[in-house]
Amino acid sequence: MRVRPLVNIVALLAFSLLSRAASADILKIVINDTIHPIVVEYVDRAIQEAQHIHAEALLIEINTPGGLMTSMNEITQKMLASPVPVIIFVTPPGSRAASAGFFILEASDVAAMSPGTNTGSAHPVLGSGATMDPVLKDKIENDAAALMRSFITKRGRNQEVAETAIRQSKSFSADEALAQHVIDYIAKDEADLFQQLDGKTITRFDGSKVMLHLTGQPIRLYEMTLKQHILTFLMDPSISFIILAVGLLAIYFEFNHPGAVVPGVVGFIAILLAVYALNLLPFRYIGLVLILSAFALFIAEAKFQTHGVLTTGGIAVMVLGALLLVDGPIPQMRVSWTAALAVSIPLGLISAFLLTIAMQARRGKAIMGEQGLIGELAVANSPLTPSGKVFLRGEIWDAVAPTNLHAGAHVIVRQVQNLVLHVDPAPEASPPGPHA
C-alpha cells in the first residue's frame, strides 16, 4: 500500500530534475577590443561551450572600432554555423560596432543596441588608410557588399541601407538603425532585451525556427583564458613595438657586457613575444628593417662622433619604422604617434650615450697594470749602464735603456717585460713632478 506514494515521490523528483535540465543557461561574452585573431578564438570557444552546455542562447556584448577583415570573416562564419542562437548587443551607452563590428552585428540571429550607441562606417580600407585606385576600390567594395548580402537577406533586415554603410561609410545611431530596420531591438540593458525577446520566434540562418525563452534564465559569463588575456594585451601594436624595442636594447646590452645573462634572457623573451604578436597582425618587414637601421645609426654616432646628427637620424628612422611596423586598417591597429615618439627618442638618446661611453673606454689607454705604465715618464734613480733603477709612480723599478744614461735622466717607458721596464731617453722637457 505504501509503494504508490514512493512512486509518486520518485516521479516528482524526476520531473524536477528534467525541468531543471530544460532550463538552460544563457552564455555571455564581452568583446571590448579591435577584431583580431584572439577575438576569433574567444568567440569560437564560446560557441563550442554554449553548444556543450545546451545554452538557450549566446549573448555577445560588443564595443569595437573594427579590425581585420580576415578575422571578421572567421567570426561571421562561426556565428552563422552556430547551433545555438547568437545575440549581438552593442552596449553600454557610448559603445559602437563600427567597420568589421557592423558585419558581425548584421550576421547575428538577433541584432540589438543600447540607446546612445552607433554602428556602420563599414567601408573597407587598405592598411594605413592608403588610397586605392578606382578598379581596386570597386572590387573590394563589391566583395564586401556581396558578403553582407549573403547573410543579411536571410536575417530579414534592410539590405539597401546596410550597403550604404559599406559603399558610403554611413553610420547609424541606435534609433536610426532600428527605424531603417538594420537592427531588431533597442534595449537599455540585457534584462530589458531578454524581456522583449522572451517568447519570440526567430528564423535561423539555416531556415529553422526557434522560440526564445530568456526571462529568468541564469546568465553565465564566459571569460577569456589567461593565455587569451596576455595575447590580447600583446595584440596592441603599440605594446608590441615597445616590447620589441626593449628586447633589442636588452640584447645590445648583453653583447656589450658578456656574461650579464639577465639582459640577454629578458631581451630574447621580449623579442619572441613581440614577433609572435606581430605575426598575428598585418606586419610589414620594412618597419623592422628601419628599426634595426636606427640602431646601426646609433652605433655609427658613437664611432664617428657627428655631434648628434646620426642620433637624430636614427630617432627619425625608428619613428618611421614604428609607424610602418603594423599595416592595420584602422588607427587602433597601428602603432600610435605617441608610442613611436615616446619610445624612439629616449631609446635613441640612451643607446647613443651608452655606445659612446663604450667606444671611448675601448679607445682609451689602459691605466692599470703593466700596460698602464707604457708611455709614462720616469726618472733614473741610478746610472743606467745600460741597466739600473728608475723612479716611477712612487716606486723603484728595474730598467734597461738602449744607451748609458746618468742618474736623474728623464726616460719614457716603452715596454714592460718580466717586471723590467724598457726605457728610452725622454726629449728635453720640463721634469715631471715626483710621482706619488
Foldseek 3Di string as FASTA:
>chain_A
DCVVVVVVVVVVVVVVVVVVLVQAFEEEEEEEEEQFDLVLVVLLVSLVVCVVSVHQAYEYAYAYQYFDPVSLVSNLVSQQPRPHAYEYEDDDAPGEQEASRLLNQLSGLAHEYEANYKYFLNAFAWFPRDDDDPVVSVVVLVVVLVSSVLRNVLSVADSVVNSCSHVVVDMGGRVRCVVRRSGPYYANDVQRVQVVQAQDWTQGRVRDIDRGHRHPRHYHYDDDDPVSVVLSVLLQLLNLLLLQLQLVVLCVVCVLPPPPPPSPVSSVVSNVSSVVSLVRAQFDVVLVVLLVVLLVLLLVCLVVVPVCPSLVVSLVSNLVSQQRGGRIRDPRNGRDSVSSNVRSPVSSVVSSVVSNVSVCVVPDFDCDDFSNQAFDKWFAQAWPCVWHWIADQNDIFTEGEPHIDGGGFIWGFHHADPRYTYTYGDPDDDDDDHHD
